[in-house]
Amino acid sequence: LVVDLADGRVLEAVLSLPEKYRDAVYLHYYEGYSAREIAALLGEKPATVFTRLDRGRQKLRTYLEQEELT
């Protein structure tokens, strides 16, 4: 799945994610933080952030495929 992060609809989809996924995905893809940096910022274990990024991407993929933004 390849998406244009500058597309406002993609950002809208990211912001509609549940908070725990939204924070990780937004910080990684829009702010450029690594998973380890996000873990430090959020007070989480790096493994937790990796999992949230993976699940957040899965949720985004499903949403974007339904919206035909791919």
C-alpha atoms as a PDB file:
ATOM      1  CA  LEU A   1       0.000   0.000   0.000  1.00  0.00           C
ATOM      2  CA  VAL A   2       1.532   3.294  -1.099  1.00  0.00           C
ATOM      3  CA  VAL A   3      -0.104   6.533  -0.014  1.00  0.00           C
ATOM      4  CA  ASP A   4       0.717  10.209  -0.286  1.00  0.00           C
ATOM      5  CA  LEU A   5       1.182  11.516   3.252  1.00  0.00           C
ATOM      6  CA  ALA A   6       0.486  15.025   1.985  1.00  0.00           C
ATOM      7  CA  ASP A   7      -3.028  13.940   0.984  1.00  0.00           C
ATOM      8  CA  GLY A   8      -5.389  15.537   3.503  1.00  0.00           C
ATOM      9  CA  ARG A   9      -7.607  12.447   3.426  1.00  0.00           C
ATOM     10  CA  VAL A  10      -4.701  10.317   4.630  1.00  0.00           C
ATOM     11  CA  LEU A  11      -3.994  12.704   7.496  1.00  0.00           C
ATOM     12  CA  GLU A  12      -7.693  12.660   8.338  1.00  0.00           C
ATOM     13  CA  ALA A  13      -7.566   8.855   8.443  1.00  0.00           C
ATOM     14  CA  VAL A  14      -4.493   8.939  10.696  1.00  0.00           C
ATOM     15  CA  LEU A  15      -6.168  11.387  13.057  1.00  0.00           C
ATOM     16  CA  SER A  16      -9.264   9.185  13.238  1.00  0.00           C
ATOM     17  CA  LEU A  17      -7.270   6.242  14.625  1.00  0.00           C
ATOM     18  CA  PRO A  18      -7.656   5.367  18.306  1.00  0.00           C
ATOM     19  CA  GLU A  19      -5.259   7.508  20.350  1.00  0.00           C
ATOM     20  CA  LYS A  20      -2.683   4.814  21.104  1.00  0.00           C
ATOM     21  CA  TYR A  21      -2.242   4.093  17.388  1.00  0.00           C
ATOM     22  CA  ARG A  22      -2.699   7.675  16.220  1.00  0.00           C
ATOM     23  CA  ASP A  23       0.105   9.019  18.400  1.00  0.00           C
ATOM     24  CA  ALA A  24       2.614   6.411  17.245  1.00  0.00           C
ATOM     25  CA  VAL A  25       1.690   6.654  13.550  1.00  0.00           C
ATOM     26  CA  TYR A  26       1.597  10.454  13.503  1.00  0.00           C
ATOM     27  CA  LEU A  27       4.894  10.861  15.344  1.00  0.00           C
ATOM     28  CA  HIS A  28       6.608   8.324  13.102  1.00  0.00           C
ATOM     29  CA  TYR A  29       5.313   9.310   9.660  1.00  0.00           C
ATOM     30  CA  TYR A  30       4.601  13.023  10.064  1.00  0.00           C
ATOM     31  CA  GLU A  31       7.178  14.098  12.643  1.00  0.00           C
ATOM     32  CA  GLY A  32       9.942  11.669  11.671  1.00  0.00           C
ATOM     33  CA  TYR A  33      10.569  10.077  15.056  1.00  0.00           C
ATOM     34  CA  SER A  34      11.959   6.558  15.285  1.00  0.00           C
ATOM     35  CA  ALA A  35      10.040   3.919  17.206  1.00  0.00           C
ATOM     36  CA  ARG A  36      12.615   4.093  19.990  1.00  0.00           C
ATOM     37  CA  GLU A  37      12.269   7.881  20.214  1.00  0.00           C
ATOM     38  CA  ILE A  38       8.482   7.563  20.319  1.00  0.00           C
ATOM     39  CA  ALA A  39       8.786   5.024  23.124  1.00  0.00           C
ATOM     40  CA  ALA A  40      10.845   7.503  25.143  1.00  0.00           C
ATOM     41  CA  LEU A  41       8.398  10.336  24.431  1.00  0.00           C
ATOM     42  CA  LEU A  42       5.355   8.283  25.403  1.00  0.00           C
ATOM     43  CA  GLY A  43       6.937   6.394  28.287  1.00  0.00           C
ATOM     44  CA  GLU A  44       6.354   3.044  26.583  1.00  0.00           C
ATOM     45  CA  LYS A  45       8.568   0.101  25.723  1.00  0.00           C
ATOM     46  CA  PRO A  46       9.947   0.118  22.171  1.00  0.00           C
ATOM     47  CA  ALA A  47       8.218  -3.226  21.521  1.00  0.00           C
ATOM     48  CA  THR A  48       4.886  -1.613  22.407  1.00  0.00           C
ATOM     49  CA  VAL A  49       5.488   1.187  19.921  1.00  0.00           C
ATOM     50  CA  PHE A  50       6.480  -1.281  17.187  1.00  0.00           C
ATOM     51  CA  THR A  51       3.230  -3.169  17.816  1.00  0.00           C
ATOM     52  CA  ARG A  52       1.158   0.030  17.763  1.00  0.00           C
ATOM     53  CA  LEU A  53       2.770   1.127  14.511  1.00  0.00           C
ATOM     54  CA  ASP A  54       2.031  -2.253  12.950  1.00  0.00           C
ATOM     55  CA  ARG A  55      -1.585  -2.319  14.118  1.00  0.00           C
ATOM     56  CA  GLY A  56      -2.069   1.334  13.214  1.00  0.00           C
ATOM     57  CA  ARG A  57      -0.826   0.641   9.678  1.00  0.00           C
ATOM     58  CA  GLN A  58      -3.212  -2.315   9.428  1.00  0.00           C
ATOM     59  CA  LYS A  59      -6.150  -0.136  10.487  1.00  0.00           C
ATOM     60  CA  LEU A  60      -5.119   2.588   8.035  1.00  0.00           C
ATOM     61  CA  ARG A  61      -4.768   0.086   5.202  1.00  0.00           C
ATOM     62  CA  THR A  62      -8.276  -1.225   5.824  1.00  0.00           C
ATOM     63  CA  TYR A  63      -9.733   2.279   6.004  1.00  0.00           C
ATOM     64  CA  LEU A  64      -7.911   3.559   2.927  1.00  0.00           C
ATOM     65  CA  GLU A  65      -8.799   0.494   0.867  1.00  0.00           C
ATOM     66  CA  GLN A  66     -12.455   1.020   1.775  1.00  0.00           C
ATOM     67  CA  GLU A  67     -12.153   4.665   0.762  1.00  0.00           C
ATOM     68  CA  GLU A  68     -10.291   3.706  -2.438  1.00  0.00           C
ATOM     69  CA  LEU A  69      -7.414   6.068  -1.710  1.00  0.00           C
ATOM     70  CA  THR A  70      -4.780   3.522  -2.671  1.00  0.00           C
END
